[in-house]
PDB file of N, CA and C in Angstrom:
ATOM      1  N   MET A   1      14.532   1.200  10.910  1.00  0.00           N
ATOM      2  CA  MET A   1      14.669   0.434   9.687  1.00  0.00           C
ATOM      3  C   MET A   1      15.126   1.357   8.552  1.00  0.00           C
ATOM      4  N   LYS A   2      15.829   0.763   7.613  1.00  0.00           N
ATOM      5  CA  LYS A   2      16.286   1.508   6.448  1.00  0.00           C
ATOM      6  C   LYS A   2      15.950   0.704   5.198  1.00  0.00           C
ATOM      7  N   LEU A   3      15.389   1.389   4.196  1.00  0.00           N
ATOM      8  CA  LEU A   3      15.005   0.765   2.938  1.00  0.00           C
ATOM      9  C   LEU A   3      16.133   0.934   1.933  1.00  0.00           C
ATOM     10  N   VAL A   4      16.588  -0.186   1.355  1.00  0.00           N
ATOM     11  CA  VAL A   4      17.704  -0.178   0.413  1.00  0.00           C
ATOM     12  C   VAL A   4      17.264  -0.881  -0.870  1.00  0.00           C
ATOM     13  N   TYR A   5      17.456  -0.215  -1.996  1.00  0.00           N
ATOM     14  CA  TYR A   5      17.165  -0.825  -3.296  1.00  0.00           C
ATOM     15  C   TYR A   5      18.461  -1.391  -3.866  1.00  0.00           C
ATOM     16  N   THR A   6      18.437  -2.652  -4.257  1.00  0.00           N
ATOM     17  CA  THR A   6      19.614  -3.237  -4.898  1.00  0.00           C
ATOM     18  C   THR A   6      19.703  -2.743  -6.336  1.00  0.00           C
ATOM     19  N   GLU A   7      20.873  -2.902  -6.933  1.00  0.00           N
ATOM     20  CA  GLU A   7      21.047  -2.527  -8.338  1.00  0.00           C
ATOM     21  C   GLU A   7      20.084  -3.321  -9.211  1.00  0.00           C
ATOM     22  N   GLN A   8      19.881  -4.587  -8.864  1.00  0.00           N
ATOM     23  CA  GLN A   8      18.956  -5.442  -9.623  1.00  0.00           C
ATOM     24  C   GLN A   8      17.544  -4.866  -9.582  1.00  0.00           C
ATOM     25  N   ALA A   9      17.098  -4.431  -8.418  1.00  0.00           N
ATOM     26  CA  ALA A   9      15.749  -3.878  -8.281  1.00  0.00           C
ATOM     27  C   ALA A   9      15.585  -2.616  -9.118  1.00  0.00           C
ATOM     28  N   LEU A  10      16.566  -1.743  -9.069  1.00  0.00           N
ATOM     29  CA  LEU A  10      16.490  -0.503  -9.845  1.00  0.00           C
ATOM     30  C   LEU A  10      16.521  -0.786 -11.347  1.00  0.00           C
ATOM     31  N   ALA A  11      17.338  -1.749 -11.759  1.00  0.00           N
ATOM     32  CA  ALA A  11      17.407  -2.120 -13.175  1.00  0.00           C
ATOM     33  C   ALA A  11      16.082  -2.743 -13.619  1.00  0.00           C
ATOM     34  N   SER A  12      15.483  -3.561 -12.771  1.00  0.00           N
ATOM     35  CA  SER A  12      14.199  -4.184 -13.104  1.00  0.00           C
ATOM     36  C   SER A  12      13.093  -3.146 -13.220  1.00  0.00           C
ATOM     37  N   LEU A  13      13.095  -2.177 -12.328  1.00  0.00           N
ATOM     38  CA  LEU A  13      12.106  -1.116 -12.391  1.00  0.00           C
ATOM     39  C   LEU A  13      12.269  -0.324 -13.686  1.00  0.00           C
ATOM     40  N   GLU A  14      13.486   0.026 -14.012  1.00  0.00           N
ATOM     41  CA  GLU A  14      13.748   0.779 -15.239  1.00  0.00           C
ATOM     42  C   GLU A  14      13.314  -0.017 -16.466  1.00  0.00           C
ATOM     43  N   GLU A  15      13.625  -1.299 -16.482  1.00  0.00           N
ATOM     44  CA  GLU A  15      13.243  -2.160 -17.608  1.00  0.00           C
ATOM     45  C   GLU A  15      11.723  -2.239 -17.750  1.00  0.00           C
ATOM     46  N   ALA A  16      11.026  -2.409 -16.634  1.00  0.00           N
ATOM     47  CA  ALA A  16       9.565  -2.496 -16.658  1.00  0.00           C
ATOM     48  C   ALA A  16       8.950  -1.198 -17.177  1.00  0.00           C
ATOM     49  N   LEU A  17       9.502  -0.079 -16.734  1.00  0.00           N
ATOM     50  CA  LEU A  17       8.972   1.215 -17.167  1.00  0.00           C
ATOM     51  C   LEU A  17       9.276   1.480 -18.641  1.00  0.00           C
ATOM     52  N   GLU A  18      10.459   1.088 -19.086  1.00  0.00           N
ATOM     53  CA  GLU A  18      10.807   1.254 -20.497  1.00  0.00           C
ATOM     54  C   GLU A  18       9.880   0.433 -21.382  1.00  0.00           C
ATOM     55  N   PHE A  19       9.496  -0.745 -20.898  1.00  0.00           N
ATOM     56  CA  PHE A  19       8.626  -1.629 -21.675  1.00  0.00           C
ATOM     57  C   PHE A  19       7.262  -0.992 -21.941  1.00  0.00           C
ATOM     58  N   ILE A  20       6.731  -0.283 -20.948  1.00  0.00           N
ATOM     59  CA  ILE A  20       5.396   0.302 -21.109  1.00  0.00           C
ATOM     60  C   ILE A  20       5.437   1.759 -21.577  1.00  0.00           C
ATOM     61  N   ALA A  21       6.609   2.357 -21.642  1.00  0.00           N
ATOM     62  CA  ALA A  21       6.741   3.789 -21.928  1.00  0.00           C
ATOM     63  C   ALA A  21       6.125   4.196 -23.264  1.00  0.00           C
ATOM     64  N   THR A  22       6.200   3.341 -24.249  1.00  0.00           N
ATOM     65  CA  THR A  22       5.662   3.702 -25.564  1.00  0.00           C
ATOM     66  C   THR A  22       4.151   3.515 -25.651  1.00  0.00           C
ATOM     67  N   LYS A  23       3.581   2.886 -24.635  1.00  0.00           N
ATOM     68  CA  LYS A  23       2.154   2.573 -24.666  1.00  0.00           C
ATOM     69  C   LYS A  23       1.294   3.540 -23.848  1.00  0.00           C
ATOM     70  N   ILE A  24       1.942   4.352 -23.011  1.00  0.00           N
ATOM     71  CA  ILE A  24       1.197   5.251 -22.128  1.00  0.00           C
ATOM     72  C   ILE A  24       1.839   6.633 -22.130  1.00  0.00           C
ATOM     73  N   SER A  25       1.134   7.594 -21.563  1.00  0.00           N
ATOM     74  CA  SER A  25       1.674   8.957 -21.492  1.00  0.00           C
ATOM     75  C   SER A  25       2.804   9.026 -20.470  1.00  0.00           C
ATOM     76  N   HIS A  26       3.616  10.047 -20.604  1.00  0.00           N
ATOM     77  CA  HIS A  26       4.711  10.252 -19.660  1.00  0.00           C
ATOM     78  C   HIS A  26       4.170  10.460 -18.237  1.00  0.00           C
ATOM     79  N   GLU A  27       3.070  11.179 -18.132  1.00  0.00           N
ATOM     80  CA  GLU A  27       2.461  11.431 -16.814  1.00  0.00           C
ATOM     81  C   GLU A  27       2.021  10.128 -16.157  1.00  0.00           C
ATOM     82  N   LYS A  28       1.414   9.240 -16.948  1.00  0.00           N
ATOM     83  CA  LYS A  28       0.961   7.943 -16.427  1.00  0.00           C
ATOM     84  C   LYS A  28       2.162   7.092 -16.018  1.00  0.00           C
ATOM     85  N   LEU A  29       3.228   7.160 -16.789  1.00  0.00           N
ATOM     86  CA  LEU A  29       4.444   6.416 -16.475  1.00  0.00           C
ATOM     87  C   LEU A  29       5.008   6.855 -15.124  1.00  0.00           C
ATOM     88  N   ILE A  30       5.066   8.153 -14.901  1.00  0.00           N
ATOM     89  CA  ILE A  30       5.554   8.696 -13.631  1.00  0.00           C
ATOM     90  C   ILE A  30       4.629   8.275 -12.485  1.00  0.00           C
ATOM     91  N   GLU A  31       3.329   8.278 -12.748  1.00  0.00           N
ATOM     92  CA  GLU A  31       2.360   7.863 -11.730  1.00  0.00           C
ATOM     93  C   GLU A  31       2.574   6.403 -11.329  1.00  0.00           C
ATOM     94  N   ILE A  32       2.801   5.537 -12.296  1.00  0.00           N
ATOM     95  CA  ILE A  32       3.039   4.120 -12.008  1.00  0.00           C
ATOM     96  C   ILE A  32       4.318   3.956 -11.202  1.00  0.00           C
ATOM     97  N   ARG A  33       5.384   4.638 -11.640  1.00  0.00           N
ATOM     98  CA  ARG A  33       6.653   4.577 -10.906  1.00  0.00           C
ATOM     99  C   ARG A  33       6.472   5.030  -9.462  1.00  0.00           C
ATOM    100  N   ASP A  34       5.786   6.143  -9.279  1.00  0.00           N
ATOM    101  CA  ASP A  34       5.592   6.678  -7.932  1.00  0.00           C
ATOM    102  C   ASP A  34       4.757   5.747  -7.057  1.00  0.00           C
ATOM    103  N   ARG A  35       3.749   5.102  -7.643  1.00  0.00           N
ATOM    104  CA  ARG A  35       2.929   4.167  -6.866  1.00  0.00           C
ATOM    105  C   ARG A  35       3.758   2.971  -6.401  1.00  0.00           C
ATOM    106  N   ILE A  36       4.638   2.482  -7.270  1.00  0.00           N
ATOM    107  CA  ILE A  36       5.503   1.360  -6.896  1.00  0.00           C
ATOM    108  C   ILE A  36       6.431   1.778  -5.754  1.00  0.00           C
ATOM    109  N   LEU A  37       7.076   2.925  -5.899  1.00  0.00           N
ATOM    110  CA  LEU A  37       8.019   3.385  -4.869  1.00  0.00           C
ATOM    111  C   LEU A  37       7.296   3.732  -3.565  1.00  0.00           C
ATOM    112  N   ASP A  38       6.109   4.317  -3.654  1.00  0.00           N
ATOM    113  CA  ASP A  38       5.331   4.628  -2.448  1.00  0.00           C
ATOM    114  C   ASP A  38       4.926   3.350  -1.717  1.00  0.00           C
ATOM    115  N   LYS A  39       4.560   2.329  -2.477  1.00  0.00           N
ATOM    116  CA  LYS A  39       4.186   1.049  -1.868  1.00  0.00           C
ATOM    117  C   LYS A  39       5.388   0.464  -1.128  1.00  0.00           C
ATOM    118  N   ALA A  40       6.556   0.534  -1.731  1.00  0.00           N
ATOM    119  CA  ALA A  40       7.773   0.045  -1.073  1.00  0.00           C
ATOM    120  C   ALA A  40       8.043   0.818   0.208  1.00  0.00           C
ATOM    121  N   ASP A  41       7.784   2.107   0.202  1.00  0.00           N
ATOM    122  CA  ASP A  41       8.001   2.931   1.401  1.00  0.00           C
ATOM    123  C   ASP A  41       7.147   2.484   2.584  1.00  0.00           C
ATOM    124  N   THR A  42       6.005   1.840   2.325  1.00  0.00           N
ATOM    125  CA  THR A  42       5.151   1.378   3.427  1.00  0.00           C
ATOM    126  C   THR A  42       5.850   0.319   4.263  1.00  0.00           C
ATOM    127  N   LEU A  43       6.877  -0.300   3.707  1.00  0.00           N
ATOM    128  CA  LEU A  43       7.620  -1.327   4.449  1.00  0.00           C
ATOM    129  C   LEU A  43       8.350  -0.745   5.649  1.00  0.00           C
ATOM    130  N   LEU A  44       8.657   0.522   5.603  1.00  0.00           N
ATOM    131  CA  LEU A  44       9.351   1.151   6.724  1.00  0.00           C
ATOM    132  C   LEU A  44       8.511   1.099   8.001  1.00  0.00           C
ATOM    133  N   LEU A  45       7.190   1.112   7.852  1.00  0.00           N
ATOM    134  CA  LEU A  45       6.301   1.037   9.015  1.00  0.00           C
ATOM    135  C   LEU A  45       5.907  -0.397   9.346  1.00  0.00           C
ATOM    136  N   GLN A  46       5.787  -1.233   8.327  1.00  0.00           N
ATOM    137  CA  GLN A  46       5.367  -2.618   8.531  1.00  0.00           C
ATOM    138  C   GLN A  46       6.194  -3.541   7.639  1.00  0.00           C
ATOM    139  N   PRO A  47       7.436  -3.833   8.046  1.00  0.00           N
ATOM    140  CA  PRO A  47       8.338  -4.592   7.173  1.00  0.00           C
ATOM    141  C   PRO A  47       7.892  -6.027   6.879  1.00  0.00           C
ATOM    142  N   PHE A  48       7.071  -6.608   7.725  1.00  0.00           N
ATOM    143  CA  PHE A  48       6.643  -7.983   7.486  1.00  0.00           C
ATOM    144  C   PHE A  48       5.219  -8.048   6.944  1.00  0.00           C
ATOM    145  N   ASN A  49       4.751  -6.940   6.395  1.00  0.00           N
ATOM    146  CA  ASN A  49       3.402  -6.856   5.861  1.00  0.00           C
ATOM    147  C   ASN A  49       3.212  -7.724   4.614  1.00  0.00           C
ATOM    148  N   GLY A  50       4.245  -7.885   3.829  1.00  0.00           N
ATOM    149  CA  GLY A  50       4.147  -8.643   2.582  1.00  0.00           C
ATOM    150  C   GLY A  50       4.090 -10.137   2.813  1.00  0.00           C
ATOM    151  N   GLN A  51       3.510 -10.820   1.842  1.00  0.00           N
ATOM    152  CA  GLN A  51       3.436 -12.276   1.891  1.00  0.00           C
ATOM    153  C   GLN A  51       4.774 -12.872   1.500  1.00  0.00           C
ATOM    154  N   LYS A  52       5.020 -14.106   1.935  1.00  0.00           N
ATOM    155  CA  LYS A  52       6.218 -14.814   1.501  1.00  0.00           C
ATOM    156  C   LYS A  52       6.101 -15.074   0.009  1.00  0.00           C
ATOM    157  N   GLU A  53       7.217 -14.963  -0.683  1.00  0.00           N
ATOM    158  CA  GLU A  53       7.236 -15.159  -2.137  1.00  0.00           C
ATOM    159  C   GLU A  53       7.529 -16.632  -2.446  1.00  0.00           C
ATOM    160  N   PRO A  54       6.511 -17.394  -2.871  1.00  0.00           N
ATOM    161  CA  PRO A  54       6.690 -18.831  -3.084  1.00  0.00           C
ATOM    162  C   PRO A  54       7.704 -19.179  -4.169  1.00  0.00           C
ATOM    163  N   PHE A  55       7.879 -18.332  -5.176  1.00  0.00           N
ATOM    164  CA  PHE A  55       8.820 -18.637  -6.246  1.00  0.00           C
ATOM    165  C   PHE A  55      10.283 -18.479  -5.823  1.00  0.00           C
ATOM    166  N   LEU A  56      10.510 -17.915  -4.635  1.00  0.00           N
ATOM    167  CA  LEU A  56      11.888 -17.758  -4.147  1.00  0.00           C
ATOM    168  C   LEU A  56      12.136 -18.511  -2.846  1.00  0.00           C
ATOM    169  N   GLU A  57      11.167 -19.271  -2.381  1.00  0.00           N
ATOM    170  CA  GLU A  57      11.338 -20.014  -1.124  1.00  0.00           C
ATOM    171  C   GLU A  57      12.507 -20.978  -1.178  1.00  0.00           C
ATOM    172  N   HIS A  58      12.797 -21.513  -2.364  1.00  0.00           N
ATOM    173  CA  HIS A  58      13.896 -22.473  -2.501  1.00  0.00           C
ATOM    174  C   HIS A  58      15.250 -21.874  -2.103  1.00  0.00           C
ATOM    175  N   LEU A  59      15.354 -20.566  -2.082  1.00  0.00           N
ATOM    176  CA  LEU A  59      16.606 -19.903  -1.693  1.00  0.00           C
ATOM    177  C   LEU A  59      16.793 -19.871  -0.172  1.00  0.00           C
ATOM    178  N   GLY A  60      15.684 -19.973   0.559  1.00  0.00           N
ATOM    179  CA  GLY A  60      15.746 -19.973   2.013  1.00  0.00           C
ATOM    180  C   GLY A  60      16.190 -18.660   2.630  1.00  0.00           C
ATOM    181  N   LEU A  61      15.933 -17.555   1.956  1.00  0.00           N
ATOM    182  CA  LEU A  61      16.392 -16.252   2.447  1.00  0.00           C
ATOM    183  C   LEU A  61      15.254 -15.378   2.969  1.00  0.00           C
ATOM    184  N   GLY A  62      14.037 -15.911   2.968  1.00  0.00           N
ATOM    185  CA  GLY A  62      12.913 -15.169   3.523  1.00  0.00           C
ATOM    186  C   GLY A  62      12.388 -14.054   2.637  1.00  0.00           C
ATOM    187  N   HIS A  63      12.462 -14.250   1.333  1.00  0.00           N
ATOM    188  CA  HIS A  63      11.936 -13.227   0.419  1.00  0.00           C
ATOM    189  C   HIS A  63      10.426 -13.061   0.612  1.00  0.00           C
ATOM    190  N   ARG A  64       9.996 -11.817   0.558  1.00  0.00           N
ATOM    191  CA  ARG A  64       8.581 -11.475   0.670  1.00  0.00           C
ATOM    192  C   ARG A  64       8.219 -10.597  -0.513  1.00  0.00           C
ATOM    193  N   ARG A  65       6.918 -10.339  -0.651  1.00  0.00           N
ATOM    194  CA  ARG A  65       6.470  -9.506  -1.759  1.00  0.00           C
ATOM    195  C   ARG A  65       5.327  -8.603  -1.348  1.00  0.00           C
ATOM    196  N   LEU A  66       5.309  -7.443  -1.938  1.00  0.00           N
ATOM    197  CA  LEU A  66       4.155  -6.554  -1.934  1.00  0.00           C
ATOM    198  C   LEU A  66       3.722  -6.449  -3.390  1.00  0.00           C
ATOM    199  N   VAL A  67       2.434  -6.267  -3.610  1.00  0.00           N
ATOM    200  CA  VAL A  67       1.938  -6.159  -4.970  1.00  0.00           C
ATOM    201  C   VAL A  67       1.352  -4.767  -5.180  1.00  0.00           C
ATOM    202  N   GLU A  68       1.765  -4.151  -6.270  1.00  0.00           N
ATOM    203  CA  GLU A  68       1.210  -2.864  -6.689  1.00  0.00           C
ATOM    204  C   GLU A  68       0.858  -3.010  -8.164  1.00  0.00           C
ATOM    205  N   SER A  69      -0.432  -3.084  -8.441  1.00  0.00           N
ATOM    206  CA  SER A  69      -0.929  -3.283  -9.801  1.00  0.00           C
ATOM    207  C   SER A  69      -0.342  -4.582 -10.354  1.00  0.00           C
ATOM    208  N   HIS A  70       0.410  -4.509 -11.457  1.00  0.00           N
ATOM    209  CA  HIS A  70       0.983  -5.710 -12.071  1.00  0.00           C
ATOM    210  C   HIS A  70       2.394  -6.014 -11.565  1.00  0.00           C
ATOM    211  N   TYR A  71       2.830  -5.311 -10.554  1.00  0.00           N
ATOM    212  CA  TYR A  71       4.226  -5.399 -10.142  1.00  0.00           C
ATOM    213  C   TYR A  71       4.376  -5.997  -8.752  1.00  0.00           C
ATOM    214  N   LYS A  72       5.334  -6.912  -8.638  1.00  0.00           N
ATOM    215  CA  LYS A  72       5.698  -7.463  -7.339  1.00  0.00           C
ATOM    216  C   LYS A  72       6.954  -6.747  -6.867  1.00  0.00           C
ATOM    217  N   ILE A  73       6.904  -6.251  -5.659  1.00  0.00           N
ATOM    218  CA  ILE A  73       8.073  -5.653  -5.026  1.00  0.00           C
ATOM    219  C   ILE A  73       8.644  -6.751  -4.136  1.00  0.00           C
ATOM    220  N   ILE A  74       9.758  -7.317  -4.553  1.00  0.00           N
ATOM    221  CA  ILE A  74      10.378  -8.437  -3.852  1.00  0.00           C
ATOM    222  C   ILE A  74      11.406  -7.876  -2.873  1.00  0.00           C
ATOM    223  N   TYR A  75      11.340  -8.344  -1.628  1.00  0.00           N
ATOM    224  CA  TYR A  75      12.254  -7.794  -0.626  1.00  0.00           C
ATOM    225  C   TYR A  75      12.592  -8.815   0.452  1.00  0.00           C
ATOM    226  N   ARG A  76      13.627  -8.482   1.207  1.00  0.00           N
ATOM    227  CA  ARG A  76      14.064  -9.274   2.367  1.00  0.00           C
ATOM    228  C   ARG A  76      14.315  -8.324   3.523  1.00  0.00           C
ATOM    229  N   VAL A  77      14.026  -8.804   4.718  1.00  0.00           N
ATOM    230  CA  VAL A  77      14.336  -8.034   5.924  1.00  0.00           C
ATOM    231  C   VAL A  77      15.544  -8.699   6.572  1.00  0.00           C
ATOM    232  N   VAL A  78      16.612  -7.914   6.736  1.00  0.00           N
ATOM    233  CA  VAL A  78      17.841  -8.417   7.352  1.00  0.00           C
ATOM    234  C   VAL A  78      18.251  -7.410   8.412  1.00  0.00           C
ATOM    235  N   GLY A  79      18.036  -7.778   9.679  1.00  0.00           N
ATOM    236  CA  GLY A  79      18.349  -6.863  10.766  1.00  0.00           C
ATOM    237  C   GLY A  79      17.528  -5.597  10.658  1.00  0.00           C
ATOM    238  N   GLU A  80      18.205  -4.470  10.600  1.00  0.00           N
ATOM    239  CA  GLU A  80      17.536  -3.169  10.515  1.00  0.00           C
ATOM    240  C   GLU A  80      17.344  -2.706   9.073  1.00  0.00           C
ATOM    241  N   TYR A  81      17.640  -3.574   8.119  1.00  0.00           N
ATOM    242  CA  TYR A  81      17.557  -3.199   6.708  1.00  0.00           C
ATOM    243  C   TYR A  81      16.458  -3.965   5.993  1.00  0.00           C
ATOM    244  N   ILE A  82      15.802  -3.275   5.082  1.00  0.00           N
ATOM    245  CA  ILE A  82      14.837  -3.883   4.180  1.00  0.00           C
ATOM    246  C   ILE A  82      15.444  -3.741   2.793  1.00  0.00           C
ATOM    247  N   TYR A  83      15.818  -4.874   2.212  1.00  0.00           N
ATOM    248  CA  TYR A  83      16.439  -4.859   0.895  1.00  0.00           C
ATOM    249  C   TYR A  83      15.392  -5.177  -0.167  1.00  0.00           C
ATOM    250  N   VAL A  84      15.106  -4.218  -1.021  1.00  0.00           N
ATOM    251  CA  VAL A  84      14.248  -4.474  -2.171  1.00  0.00           C
ATOM    252  C   VAL A  84      15.174  -5.073  -3.220  1.00  0.00           C
ATOM    253  N   THR A  85      14.948  -6.357  -3.536  1.00  0.00           N
ATOM    254  CA  THR A  85      15.860  -7.081  -4.413  1.00  0.00           C
ATOM    255  C   THR A  85      15.385  -7.167  -5.855  1.00  0.00           C
ATOM    256  N   ASP A  86      14.085  -6.939  -6.085  1.00  0.00           N
ATOM    257  CA  ASP A  86      13.569  -7.013  -7.447  1.00  0.00           C
ATOM    258  C   ASP A  86      12.224  -6.308  -7.521  1.00  0.00           C
ATOM    259  N   ILE A  87      11.927  -5.790  -8.665  1.00  0.00           N
ATOM    260  CA  ILE A  87      10.591  -5.276  -8.971  1.00  0.00           C
ATOM    261  C   ILE A  87      10.196  -6.016 -10.234  1.00  0.00           C
ATOM    262  N   PHE A  88       9.247  -6.926 -10.063  1.00  0.00           N
ATOM    263  CA  PHE A  88       8.952  -7.926 -11.083  1.00  0.00           C
ATOM    264  C   PHE A  88       7.568  -7.702 -11.669  1.00  0.00           C
ATOM    265  N   ASP A  89       7.506  -7.571 -12.974  1.00  0.00           N
ATOM    266  CA  ASP A  89       6.218  -7.444 -13.662  1.00  0.00           C
ATOM    267  C   ASP A  89       5.569  -8.823 -13.663  1.00  0.00           C
ATOM    268  N   SER A  90       4.476  -8.972 -12.948  1.00  0.00           N
ATOM    269  CA  SER A  90       3.859 -10.287 -12.754  1.00  0.00           C
ATOM    270  C   SER A  90       3.198 -10.828 -14.021  1.00  0.00           C
ATOM    271  N   ARG A  91       3.207 -10.066 -15.098  1.00  0.00           N
ATOM    272  CA  ARG A  91       2.701 -10.576 -16.376  1.00  0.00           C
ATOM    273  C   ARG A  91       3.755 -11.421 -17.077  1.00  0.00           C
ATOM    274  N   GLN A  92       4.958 -11.462 -16.519  1.00  0.00           N
ATOM    275  CA  GLN A  92       6.030 -12.292 -17.060  1.00  0.00           C
ATOM    276  C   GLN A  92       5.918 -13.705 -16.504  1.00  0.00           C
ATOM    277  N   ASP A  93       6.664 -14.623 -17.105  1.00  0.00           N
ATOM    278  CA  ASP A  93       6.744 -15.993 -16.610  1.00  0.00           C
ATOM    279  C   ASP A  93       7.419 -15.958 -15.239  1.00  0.00           C
ATOM    280  N   PRO A  94       6.753 -16.473 -14.192  1.00  0.00           N
ATOM    281  CA  PRO A  94       7.346 -16.411 -12.842  1.00  0.00           C
ATOM    282  C   PRO A  94       8.664 -17.171 -12.717  1.00  0.00           C
ATOM    283  N   ASP A  95       8.930 -18.103 -13.620  1.00  0.00           N
ATOM    284  CA  ASP A  95      10.200 -18.811 -13.566  1.00  0.00           C
ATOM    285  C   ASP A  95      11.384 -17.883 -13.809  1.00  0.00           C
ATOM    286  N   LYS A  96      11.154 -16.750 -14.465  1.00  0.00           N
ATOM    287  CA  LYS A  96      12.217 -15.766 -14.664  1.00  0.00           C
ATOM    288  C   LYS A  96      12.690 -15.187 -13.332  1.00  0.00           C
ATOM    289  N   MET A  97      11.816 -15.228 -12.329  1.00  0.00           N
ATOM    290  CA  MET A  97      12.160 -14.664 -11.016  1.00  0.00           C
ATOM    291  C   MET A  97      13.163 -15.549 -10.271  1.00  0.00           C
ATOM    292  N   LYS A  98      13.169 -16.825 -10.527  1.00  0.00           N
ATOM    293  CA  LYS A  98      14.025 -17.756  -9.790  1.00  0.00           C
ATOM    294  C   LYS A  98      15.495 -17.458  -9.987  1.00  0.00           C
ATOM    295  N   GLY A  99      15.825 -16.870 -11.114  1.00  0.00           N
ATOM    296  CA  GLY A  99      17.202 -16.470 -11.382  1.00  0.00           C
ATOM    297  C   GLY A  99      18.139 -17.585 -11.315  1.00  0.00           C
TER     298      GLY A  99
END
């Protein structure tokens, strides 16, 4: 299996981190980022470990999610690839995820 981050996922992660950057120390910010990325790495061993994401079921693409603190790591498994498609701060309105 290979883990691939989409441009959308990387942009969402950056946006989420920028939002909290002024409220916490730089060290804490790096720790949060690393925890999110480490959680995503667990998919390489258990790609179907995450629950189905109900807010994206209407797309019919099999989106799943892992949760790390306030963040949902949204992903799809396609063949030998695990595509992380979004990193969503769950404190936001979930309708924003529907895109």
